Amino acid sequence: MSADPRVSLVRPLAERVARGVGLDVFDVHLRREAIGWVLRVVLDRPLRRDATGAIVVEGVDEGIGVDECQAVSQDLSALLDVEEVVDVPYTLEVSSPGLDRALRGDDDYRRFVGRVAKIVVRAPIDGQSHFEGRLSGVTDGEVIMQVGRAKVARIPLASISRAKLAVEF
């Protein structure tokens, strides 16, 4: 999340609008870019759990649609105009996390079990700092990942510096 205090004012407004169309806010950034200030709101599907509380594994066809982004963009733009929480001219961009979305926390690793991910760790584990493989779950604070045909990597959540899903075709 951005350290800009304006983001902390925008986020609850964006969350309220996103909830209205059945979505969550994944991230909010306000950055100066070549075109000027850009307020970027990234939407996500809410985490779903079954009756036992287990996370429901996401299907590949459950992305955020253009119509949903457009609806949030229109409603949020109107709300931001009224609330005046951003004090510079900006361009509002509303999007999904994308196919190669970032993974944050153990719930994401559980949510995307079966998908291929790329993980970078802060300090090498068995001489390796980059891992790519199929997510198998999270156990005892470690991400379990099938790397290749026979190798299983156990990566402590606390050692992960960044992780994202890989695009599969």
N, C-alpha and C. Protein backbone atom coordinates (compact mmCIF):
# COMPACT_ATOMS: atom_id res chain seq x y z
N MET A 1 0.84 -1.17 0.00
CA MET A 1 0.00 0.00 0.00
C MET A 1 0.88 1.23 0.00
N SER A 2 0.38 2.29 -0.59
CA SER A 2 1.10 3.54 -0.67
C SER A 2 1.17 4.22 0.69
N ALA A 3 2.26 4.97 0.93
CA ALA A 3 2.40 5.70 2.18
C ALA A 3 1.68 7.05 2.11
N ASP A 4 1.18 7.42 0.96
CA ASP A 4 0.48 8.68 0.77
C ASP A 4 -0.78 8.71 1.63
N PRO A 5 -0.93 9.71 2.50
CA PRO A 5 -2.10 9.75 3.38
C PRO A 5 -3.42 9.87 2.62
N ARG A 6 -3.39 10.37 1.40
CA ARG A 6 -4.62 10.47 0.61
C ARG A 6 -5.18 9.10 0.29
N VAL A 7 -4.29 8.11 0.17
CA VAL A 7 -4.74 6.75 -0.11
C VAL A 7 -5.60 6.22 1.03
N SER A 8 -5.23 6.57 2.27
CA SER A 8 -6.03 6.10 3.41
C SER A 8 -7.41 6.75 3.43
N LEU A 9 -7.58 7.86 2.74
CA LEU A 9 -8.90 8.48 2.61
C LEU A 9 -9.69 7.88 1.44
N VAL A 10 -8.98 7.50 0.39
CA VAL A 10 -9.63 6.94 -0.80
C VAL A 10 -10.07 5.49 -0.55
N ARG A 11 -9.25 4.71 0.13
CA ARG A 11 -9.52 3.28 0.29
C ARG A 11 -10.92 2.98 0.83
N PRO A 12 -11.36 3.59 1.94
CA PRO A 12 -12.70 3.25 2.44
C PRO A 12 -13.82 3.62 1.46
N LEU A 13 -13.62 4.68 0.70
CA LEU A 13 -14.61 5.05 -0.31
C LEU A 13 -14.65 3.99 -1.42
N ALA A 14 -13.46 3.57 -1.85
CA ALA A 14 -13.37 2.55 -2.90
C ALA A 14 -13.96 1.23 -2.41
N GLU A 15 -13.69 0.89 -1.15
CA GLU A 15 -14.23 -0.36 -0.60
C GLU A 15 -15.76 -0.33 -0.54
N ARG A 16 -16.31 0.81 -0.17
CA ARG A 16 -17.77 0.94 -0.11
C ARG A 16 -18.39 0.75 -1.50
N VAL A 17 -17.80 1.39 -2.51
CA VAL A 17 -18.32 1.27 -3.88
C VAL A 17 -18.14 -0.16 -4.39
N ALA A 18 -16.98 -0.75 -4.15
CA ALA A 18 -16.70 -2.12 -4.62
C ALA A 18 -17.67 -3.12 -3.99
N ARG A 19 -17.91 -2.98 -2.69
CA ARG A 19 -18.87 -3.88 -2.01
C ARG A 19 -20.24 -3.80 -2.65
N GLY A 20 -20.59 -2.62 -3.14
CA GLY A 20 -21.89 -2.42 -3.78
C GLY A 20 -22.08 -3.26 -5.03
N VAL A 21 -20.98 -3.67 -5.66
CA VAL A 21 -21.07 -4.54 -6.84
C VAL A 21 -20.52 -5.93 -6.55
N GLY A 22 -20.37 -6.25 -5.25
CA GLY A 22 -19.96 -7.59 -4.84
C GLY A 22 -18.47 -7.88 -4.97
N LEU A 23 -17.64 -6.84 -4.91
CA LEU A 23 -16.20 -7.01 -5.05
C LEU A 23 -15.46 -6.47 -3.84
N ASP A 24 -14.17 -6.77 -3.75
CA ASP A 24 -13.28 -6.24 -2.72
C ASP A 24 -12.23 -5.36 -3.40
N VAL A 25 -11.59 -4.53 -2.60
CA VAL A 25 -10.45 -3.73 -3.09
C VAL A 25 -9.18 -4.49 -2.74
N PHE A 26 -8.39 -4.80 -3.75
CA PHE A 26 -7.12 -5.50 -3.58
C PHE A 26 -6.02 -4.50 -3.23
N ASP A 27 -6.03 -3.35 -3.89
CA ASP A 27 -4.97 -2.37 -3.68
C ASP A 27 -5.42 -1.00 -4.16
N VAL A 28 -4.82 0.05 -3.60
CA VAL A 28 -5.04 1.44 -4.02
C VAL A 28 -3.68 2.13 -4.02
N HIS A 29 -3.38 2.82 -5.12
CA HIS A 29 -2.12 3.57 -5.24
C HIS A 29 -2.43 4.95 -5.81
N LEU A 30 -1.71 5.94 -5.35
CA LEU A 30 -1.72 7.27 -5.96
C LEU A 30 -0.28 7.60 -6.25
N ARG A 31 0.03 7.71 -7.55
CA ARG A 31 1.44 7.92 -7.95
C ARG A 31 1.54 8.97 -9.04
N ARG A 32 2.64 9.67 -8.99
CA ARG A 32 2.97 10.62 -10.07
C ARG A 32 3.64 9.82 -11.17
N GLU A 33 3.06 9.88 -12.36
CA GLU A 33 3.61 9.16 -13.52
C GLU A 33 3.79 10.15 -14.66
N ALA A 34 4.27 9.67 -15.79
CA ALA A 34 4.55 10.55 -16.94
C ALA A 34 3.32 11.34 -17.37
N ILE A 35 2.14 10.75 -17.23
CA ILE A 35 0.91 11.43 -17.65
C ILE A 35 0.33 12.33 -16.57
N GLY A 36 0.95 12.35 -15.39
CA GLY A 36 0.45 13.12 -14.26
C GLY A 36 0.12 12.17 -13.12
N TRP A 37 -0.73 12.60 -12.19
CA TRP A 37 -1.11 11.77 -11.06
C TRP A 37 -2.09 10.71 -11.51
N VAL A 38 -1.87 9.47 -11.06
CA VAL A 38 -2.75 8.35 -11.39
C VAL A 38 -3.21 7.72 -10.08
N LEU A 39 -4.53 7.65 -9.93
CA LEU A 39 -5.14 6.95 -8.80
C LEU A 39 -5.58 5.60 -9.33
N ARG A 40 -4.89 4.55 -8.87
CA ARG A 40 -5.13 3.20 -9.37
C ARG A 40 -5.82 2.39 -8.29
N VAL A 41 -7.00 1.87 -8.61
CA VAL A 41 -7.77 1.02 -7.70
C VAL A 41 -7.85 -0.36 -8.33
N VAL A 42 -7.37 -1.36 -7.62
CA VAL A 42 -7.37 -2.74 -8.12
C VAL A 42 -8.42 -3.53 -7.35
N LEU A 43 -9.34 -4.14 -8.10
CA LEU A 43 -10.46 -4.89 -7.53
C LEU A 43 -10.17 -6.38 -7.49
N ASP A 44 -10.89 -7.08 -6.64
CA ASP A 44 -10.73 -8.53 -6.54
C ASP A 44 -12.06 -9.14 -6.16
N ARG A 45 -12.19 -10.42 -6.41
CA ARG A 45 -13.35 -11.17 -5.93
C ARG A 45 -13.18 -11.40 -4.43
N PRO A 46 -14.25 -11.36 -3.67
CA PRO A 46 -14.13 -11.65 -2.24
C PRO A 46 -13.68 -13.09 -2.03
N LEU A 47 -12.92 -13.31 -0.97
CA LEU A 47 -12.49 -14.65 -0.58
C LEU A 47 -13.73 -15.43 -0.18
N ARG A 48 -13.88 -16.62 -0.71
CA ARG A 48 -15.05 -17.44 -0.39
C ARG A 48 -14.63 -18.64 0.45
N ARG A 49 -15.49 -18.97 1.39
CA ARG A 49 -15.27 -20.13 2.25
C ARG A 49 -16.49 -21.04 2.17
N ASP A 50 -16.27 -22.34 2.34
CA ASP A 50 -17.39 -23.28 2.35
C ASP A 50 -17.98 -23.34 3.76
N ALA A 51 -18.94 -24.21 3.97
CA ALA A 51 -19.64 -24.31 5.25
C ALA A 51 -18.71 -24.66 6.41
N THR A 52 -17.59 -25.32 6.12
CA THR A 52 -16.64 -25.70 7.18
C THR A 52 -15.63 -24.59 7.47
N GLY A 53 -15.64 -23.54 6.66
CA GLY A 53 -14.68 -22.46 6.83
C GLY A 53 -13.46 -22.58 5.95
N ALA A 54 -13.38 -23.68 5.19
CA ALA A 54 -12.24 -23.86 4.28
C ALA A 54 -12.36 -22.91 3.09
N ILE A 55 -11.22 -22.43 2.60
CA ILE A 55 -11.22 -21.52 1.46
C ILE A 55 -11.59 -22.28 0.20
N VAL A 56 -12.48 -21.68 -0.57
CA VAL A 56 -12.89 -22.27 -1.84
C VAL A 56 -11.83 -21.91 -2.88
N VAL A 57 -11.28 -22.93 -3.54
CA VAL A 57 -10.25 -22.72 -4.56
C VAL A 57 -10.88 -22.05 -5.77
N GLU A 58 -10.24 -21.00 -6.24
CA GLU A 58 -10.76 -20.21 -7.35
C GLU A 58 -10.66 -20.95 -8.68
N GLY A 59 -11.63 -20.73 -9.53
CA GLY A 59 -11.58 -21.24 -10.90
C GLY A 59 -10.90 -20.23 -11.79
N VAL A 60 -10.41 -20.66 -12.93
CA VAL A 60 -9.68 -19.76 -13.81
C VAL A 60 -10.61 -18.79 -14.53
N ASP A 61 -11.91 -19.04 -14.52
CA ASP A 61 -12.85 -18.20 -15.25
C ASP A 61 -13.53 -17.17 -14.36
N GLU A 62 -12.98 -16.90 -13.18
CA GLU A 62 -13.64 -16.02 -12.24
C GLU A 62 -12.97 -14.65 -12.15
N GLY A 63 -12.50 -14.13 -13.27
CA GLY A 63 -11.85 -12.83 -13.27
C GLY A 63 -12.86 -11.70 -13.12
N ILE A 64 -12.34 -10.51 -12.96
CA ILE A 64 -13.16 -9.30 -12.86
C ILE A 64 -13.44 -8.84 -14.28
N GLY A 65 -14.71 -8.55 -14.57
CA GLY A 65 -15.09 -8.12 -15.91
C GLY A 65 -14.96 -6.63 -16.13
N VAL A 66 -14.89 -6.25 -17.39
CA VAL A 66 -14.79 -4.84 -17.77
C VAL A 66 -16.00 -4.07 -17.27
N ASP A 67 -17.19 -4.68 -17.34
CA ASP A 67 -18.40 -4.01 -16.87
C ASP A 67 -18.33 -3.70 -15.38
N GLU A 68 -17.76 -4.62 -14.61
CA GLU A 68 -17.62 -4.40 -13.17
C GLU A 68 -16.64 -3.25 -12.89
N CYS A 69 -15.53 -3.25 -13.61
CA CYS A 69 -14.55 -2.16 -13.44
C CYS A 69 -15.17 -0.82 -13.82
N GLN A 70 -15.93 -0.82 -14.90
CA GLN A 70 -16.56 0.42 -15.35
C GLN A 70 -17.58 0.93 -14.32
N ALA A 71 -18.37 0.01 -13.76
CA ALA A 71 -19.36 0.40 -12.76
C ALA A 71 -18.68 1.01 -11.53
N VAL A 72 -17.63 0.37 -11.05
CA VAL A 72 -16.91 0.90 -9.89
C VAL A 72 -16.27 2.24 -10.25
N SER A 73 -15.69 2.33 -11.42
CA SER A 73 -15.03 3.56 -11.84
C SER A 73 -16.01 4.73 -11.86
N GLN A 74 -17.18 4.53 -12.44
CA GLN A 74 -18.17 5.61 -12.54
C GLN A 74 -18.66 6.04 -11.15
N ASP A 75 -19.01 5.07 -10.32
CA ASP A 75 -19.53 5.40 -8.99
C ASP A 75 -18.45 6.01 -8.10
N LEU A 76 -17.24 5.46 -8.17
CA LEU A 76 -16.15 5.97 -7.35
C LEU A 76 -15.75 7.37 -7.80
N SER A 77 -15.72 7.60 -9.10
CA SER A 77 -15.37 8.92 -9.62
C SER A 77 -16.35 9.97 -9.09
N ALA A 78 -17.64 9.66 -9.12
CA ALA A 78 -18.64 10.61 -8.63
C ALA A 78 -18.45 10.85 -7.13
N LEU A 79 -18.19 9.80 -6.38
CA LEU A 79 -18.00 9.92 -4.93
C LEU A 79 -16.74 10.73 -4.61
N LEU A 80 -15.67 10.49 -5.34
CA LEU A 80 -14.42 11.23 -5.11
C LEU A 80 -14.59 12.71 -5.45
N ASP A 81 -15.40 13.01 -6.46
CA ASP A 81 -15.67 14.41 -6.80
C ASP A 81 -16.39 15.12 -5.66
N VAL A 82 -17.31 14.43 -5.01
CA VAL A 82 -18.07 15.01 -3.90
C VAL A 82 -17.20 15.13 -2.64
N GLU A 83 -16.46 14.06 -2.34
CA GLU A 83 -15.67 14.03 -1.10
C GLU A 83 -14.40 14.87 -1.17
N GLU A 84 -13.87 15.10 -2.37
CA GLU A 84 -12.67 15.90 -2.58
C GLU A 84 -11.50 15.48 -1.69
N VAL A 85 -11.20 14.18 -1.65
CA VAL A 85 -10.10 13.69 -0.81
C VAL A 85 -8.75 13.70 -1.53
N VAL A 86 -8.77 13.84 -2.84
CA VAL A 86 -7.52 13.92 -3.60
C VAL A 86 -7.37 15.37 -4.07
N ASP A 87 -6.31 16.02 -3.62
CA ASP A 87 -6.14 17.46 -3.83
C ASP A 87 -5.32 17.83 -5.06
N VAL A 88 -5.10 16.88 -5.96
CA VAL A 88 -4.38 17.16 -7.21
C VAL A 88 -5.21 16.58 -8.36
N PRO A 89 -5.08 17.15 -9.56
CA PRO A 89 -5.76 16.53 -10.71
C PRO A 89 -5.18 15.12 -10.93
N TYR A 90 -6.03 14.16 -11.22
CA TYR A 90 -5.58 12.78 -11.37
C TYR A 90 -6.42 12.05 -12.42
N THR A 91 -5.87 10.94 -12.86
CA THR A 91 -6.58 10.01 -13.73
C THR A 91 -6.94 8.80 -12.88
N LEU A 92 -8.21 8.40 -12.89
CA LEU A 92 -8.65 7.24 -12.14
C LEU A 92 -8.58 6.01 -13.05
N GLU A 93 -7.88 4.98 -12.58
CA GLU A 93 -7.82 3.69 -13.28
C GLU A 93 -8.35 2.62 -12.35
N VAL A 94 -9.32 1.85 -12.82
CA VAL A 94 -9.88 0.75 -12.04
C VAL A 94 -9.65 -0.52 -12.84
N SER A 95 -9.05 -1.53 -12.19
CA SER A 95 -8.71 -2.75 -12.91
C SER A 95 -8.76 -3.96 -11.98
N SER A 96 -8.46 -5.11 -12.55
CA SER A 96 -8.35 -6.35 -11.77
C SER A 96 -6.88 -6.59 -11.47
N PRO A 97 -6.57 -7.54 -10.56
CA PRO A 97 -5.16 -7.83 -10.28
C PRO A 97 -4.44 -8.46 -11.46
N GLY A 98 -5.15 -8.98 -12.43
CA GLY A 98 -4.53 -9.58 -13.60
C GLY A 98 -4.23 -11.06 -13.43
N LEU A 99 -3.84 -11.68 -14.52
CA LEU A 99 -3.53 -13.11 -14.49
C LEU A 99 -2.30 -13.42 -13.65
N ASP A 100 -1.38 -12.47 -13.59
CA ASP A 100 -0.14 -12.68 -12.83
C ASP A 100 -0.19 -11.91 -11.51
N ARG A 101 -1.33 -11.95 -10.86
CA ARG A 101 -1.58 -11.21 -9.64
C ARG A 101 -0.60 -11.55 -8.53
N ALA A 102 -0.36 -10.57 -7.68
CA ALA A 102 0.49 -10.76 -6.52
C ALA A 102 -0.23 -11.67 -5.52
N LEU A 103 0.55 -12.41 -4.76
CA LEU A 103 0.02 -13.26 -3.70
C LEU A 103 0.43 -12.64 -2.37
N ARG A 104 -0.54 -12.48 -1.48
CA ARG A 104 -0.29 -11.85 -0.18
C ARG A 104 -0.92 -12.70 0.90
N GLY A 105 -0.11 -13.21 1.76
CA GLY A 105 -0.63 -13.94 2.92
C GLY A 105 -1.09 -15.35 2.62
N ASP A 106 -1.25 -16.11 3.70
CA ASP A 106 -1.55 -17.53 3.55
C ASP A 106 -2.89 -17.80 2.86
N ASP A 107 -3.87 -16.92 3.04
CA ASP A 107 -5.16 -17.14 2.38
C ASP A 107 -5.02 -17.16 0.85
N ASP A 108 -4.18 -16.30 0.29
CA ASP A 108 -3.98 -16.30 -1.17
C ASP A 108 -3.35 -17.61 -1.63
N TYR A 109 -2.39 -18.14 -0.87
CA TYR A 109 -1.75 -19.39 -1.27
C TYR A 109 -2.74 -20.55 -1.21
N ARG A 110 -3.66 -20.49 -0.28
CA ARG A 110 -4.71 -21.52 -0.20
C ARG A 110 -5.73 -21.33 -1.32
N ARG A 111 -6.08 -20.10 -1.56
CA ARG A 111 -7.10 -19.76 -2.56
C ARG A 111 -6.69 -20.23 -3.96
N PHE A 112 -5.41 -20.18 -4.25
CA PHE A 112 -4.94 -20.51 -5.59
C PHE A 112 -4.19 -21.84 -5.65
N VAL A 113 -4.53 -22.77 -4.78
CA VAL A 113 -3.96 -24.11 -4.84
C VAL A 113 -4.20 -24.68 -6.24
N GLY A 114 -3.16 -25.31 -6.78
CA GLY A 114 -3.26 -25.88 -8.12
C GLY A 114 -2.74 -24.97 -9.21
N ARG A 115 -2.55 -23.70 -8.91
CA ARG A 115 -2.03 -22.75 -9.89
C ARG A 115 -0.50 -22.66 -9.78
N VAL A 116 0.14 -22.27 -10.87
CA VAL A 116 1.59 -22.09 -10.88
C VAL A 116 1.91 -20.70 -10.35
N ALA A 117 2.92 -20.63 -9.48
CA ALA A 117 3.32 -19.36 -8.89
C ALA A 117 4.83 -19.21 -8.96
N LYS A 118 5.26 -17.95 -8.88
CA LYS A 118 6.68 -17.61 -8.78
C LYS A 118 6.89 -16.93 -7.44
N ILE A 119 7.86 -17.42 -6.68
CA ILE A 119 8.12 -16.90 -5.34
C ILE A 119 9.60 -16.53 -5.24
N VAL A 120 9.85 -15.37 -4.65
CA VAL A 120 11.21 -14.91 -4.38
C VAL A 120 11.34 -14.78 -2.86
N VAL A 121 12.41 -15.34 -2.31
CA VAL A 121 12.63 -15.28 -0.86
C VAL A 121 13.75 -14.30 -0.52
N ARG A 122 13.73 -13.81 0.71
CA ARG A 122 14.71 -12.82 1.16
C ARG A 122 16.12 -13.40 1.25
N ALA A 123 16.21 -14.62 1.75
CA ALA A 123 17.50 -15.30 1.88
C ALA A 123 17.35 -16.69 1.26
N PRO A 124 18.38 -17.18 0.59
CA PRO A 124 18.27 -18.48 -0.08
C PRO A 124 17.85 -19.61 0.85
N ILE A 125 17.05 -20.51 0.30
CA ILE A 125 16.64 -21.73 0.98
C ILE A 125 17.25 -22.87 0.20
N ASP A 126 18.12 -23.64 0.83
CA ASP A 126 18.86 -24.71 0.15
C ASP A 126 19.53 -24.19 -1.12
N GLY A 127 20.10 -22.96 -1.02
CA GLY A 127 20.84 -22.37 -2.13
C GLY A 127 19.96 -21.75 -3.21
N GLN A 128 18.67 -21.68 -3.00
CA GLN A 128 17.75 -21.19 -4.03
C GLN A 128 16.96 -19.99 -3.50
N SER A 129 16.90 -18.90 -4.32
CA SER A 129 16.11 -17.74 -3.90
C SER A 129 14.88 -17.49 -4.76
N HIS A 130 14.78 -18.17 -5.90
CA HIS A 130 13.61 -18.07 -6.78
C HIS A 130 13.00 -19.46 -6.93
N PHE A 131 11.69 -19.53 -6.77
CA PHE A 131 10.98 -20.80 -6.92
C PHE A 131 9.84 -20.61 -7.90
N GLU A 132 9.62 -21.62 -8.73
CA GLU A 132 8.46 -21.63 -9.61
C GLU A 132 7.89 -23.04 -9.59
N GLY A 133 6.60 -23.11 -9.32
CA GLY A 133 5.96 -24.42 -9.26
C GLY A 133 4.49 -24.29 -8.96
N ARG A 134 3.85 -25.43 -8.80
CA ARG A 134 2.40 -25.49 -8.57
C ARG A 134 2.13 -25.46 -7.07
N LEU A 135 1.27 -24.53 -6.65
CA LEU A 135 0.93 -24.39 -5.23
C LEU A 135 0.14 -25.59 -4.75
N SER A 136 0.56 -26.12 -3.60
CA SER A 136 -0.14 -27.27 -3.00
C SER A 136 -0.87 -26.90 -1.72
N GLY A 137 -0.54 -25.74 -1.14
CA GLY A 137 -1.22 -25.31 0.08
C GLY A 137 -0.28 -24.65 1.05
N VAL A 138 -0.78 -24.47 2.27
CA VAL A 138 -0.01 -23.86 3.35
C VAL A 138 -0.17 -24.75 4.58
N THR A 139 0.97 -25.10 5.19
CA THR A 139 0.95 -25.91 6.39
C THR A 139 2.00 -25.38 7.36
N ASP A 140 1.61 -25.17 8.59
CA ASP A 140 2.54 -24.74 9.64
C ASP A 140 3.38 -23.53 9.23
N GLY A 141 2.74 -22.53 8.59
CA GLY A 141 3.45 -21.31 8.22
C GLY A 141 4.37 -21.45 7.02
N GLU A 142 4.23 -22.54 6.26
CA GLU A 142 5.06 -22.75 5.07
C GLU A 142 4.18 -22.95 3.85
N VAL A 143 4.58 -22.34 2.74
CA VAL A 143 3.93 -22.59 1.45
C VAL A 143 4.49 -23.88 0.90
N ILE A 144 3.62 -24.78 0.50
CA ILE A 144 4.04 -26.05 -0.09
C ILE A 144 3.86 -25.91 -1.59
N MET A 145 4.94 -26.21 -2.33
CA MET A 145 4.94 -26.00 -3.77
C MET A 145 5.59 -27.19 -4.47
N GLN A 146 4.92 -27.70 -5.48
CA GLN A 146 5.47 -28.77 -6.31
C GLN A 146 6.37 -28.13 -7.35
N VAL A 147 7.68 -28.39 -7.26
CA VAL A 147 8.65 -27.81 -8.19
C VAL A 147 9.18 -28.95 -9.04
N GLY A 148 8.86 -28.97 -10.29
CA GLY A 148 9.24 -30.09 -11.15
C GLY A 148 8.37 -31.30 -10.85
N ARG A 149 8.80 -32.46 -11.31
CA ARG A 149 7.98 -33.66 -11.14
C ARG A 149 8.11 -34.30 -9.76
N ALA A 150 9.29 -34.19 -9.17
CA ALA A 150 9.52 -34.94 -7.94
C ALA A 150 9.83 -34.07 -6.72
N LYS A 151 10.15 -32.79 -6.92
CA LYS A 151 10.59 -31.97 -5.80
C LYS A 151 9.43 -31.18 -5.19
N VAL A 152 9.37 -31.20 -3.87
CA VAL A 152 8.41 -30.39 -3.13
C VAL A 152 9.20 -29.37 -2.32
N ALA A 153 8.90 -28.09 -2.53
CA ALA A 153 9.57 -27.03 -1.77
C ALA A 153 8.66 -26.60 -0.64
N ARG A 154 9.26 -26.37 0.52
CA ARG A 154 8.55 -25.85 1.69
C ARG A 154 9.17 -24.49 1.98
N ILE A 155 8.39 -23.44 1.74
CA ILE A 155 8.91 -22.08 1.83
C ILE A 155 8.22 -21.34 2.98
N PRO A 156 8.96 -20.97 4.01
CA PRO A 156 8.33 -20.24 5.12
C PRO A 156 7.71 -18.93 4.64
N LEU A 157 6.47 -18.70 5.03
CA LEU A 157 5.78 -17.46 4.64
C LEU A 157 6.59 -16.23 5.03
N ALA A 158 7.20 -16.26 6.18
CA ALA A 158 7.95 -15.11 6.68
C ALA A 158 9.17 -14.79 5.81
N SER A 159 9.64 -15.75 5.03
CA SER A 159 10.84 -15.52 4.22
C SER A 159 10.52 -15.02 2.81
N ILE A 160 9.25 -14.97 2.45
CA ILE A 160 8.86 -14.57 1.09
C ILE A 160 8.90 -13.05 0.96
N SER A 161 9.66 -12.56 -0.04
CA SER A 161 9.71 -11.12 -0.27
C SER A 161 8.68 -10.70 -1.30
N ARG A 162 8.44 -11.55 -2.29
CA ARG A 162 7.37 -11.28 -3.26
C ARG A 162 6.96 -12.58 -3.93
N ALA A 163 5.71 -12.60 -4.35
CA ALA A 163 5.17 -13.80 -5.00
C ALA A 163 4.03 -13.38 -5.91
N LYS A 164 3.89 -14.11 -7.01
CA LYS A 164 2.79 -13.83 -7.91
C LYS A 164 2.44 -15.12 -8.65
N LEU A 165 1.22 -15.13 -9.17
CA LEU A 165 0.81 -16.24 -10.02
C LEU A 165 1.52 -16.13 -11.35
N ALA A 166 1.81 -17.28 -11.95
CA ALA A 166 2.38 -17.30 -13.30
C ALA A 166 1.23 -17.47 -14.28
N VAL A 167 1.40 -16.91 -15.44
CA VAL A 167 0.38 -17.04 -16.49
C VAL A 167 0.53 -18.39 -17.16
N GLU A 168 -0.55 -19.14 -17.21
CA GLU A 168 -0.53 -20.48 -17.85
C GLU A 168 -1.39 -20.44 -19.10
N PHE A 169 -0.93 -21.11 -20.13
CA PHE A 169 -1.71 -21.17 -21.37
C PHE A 169 -2.10 -22.59 -21.67
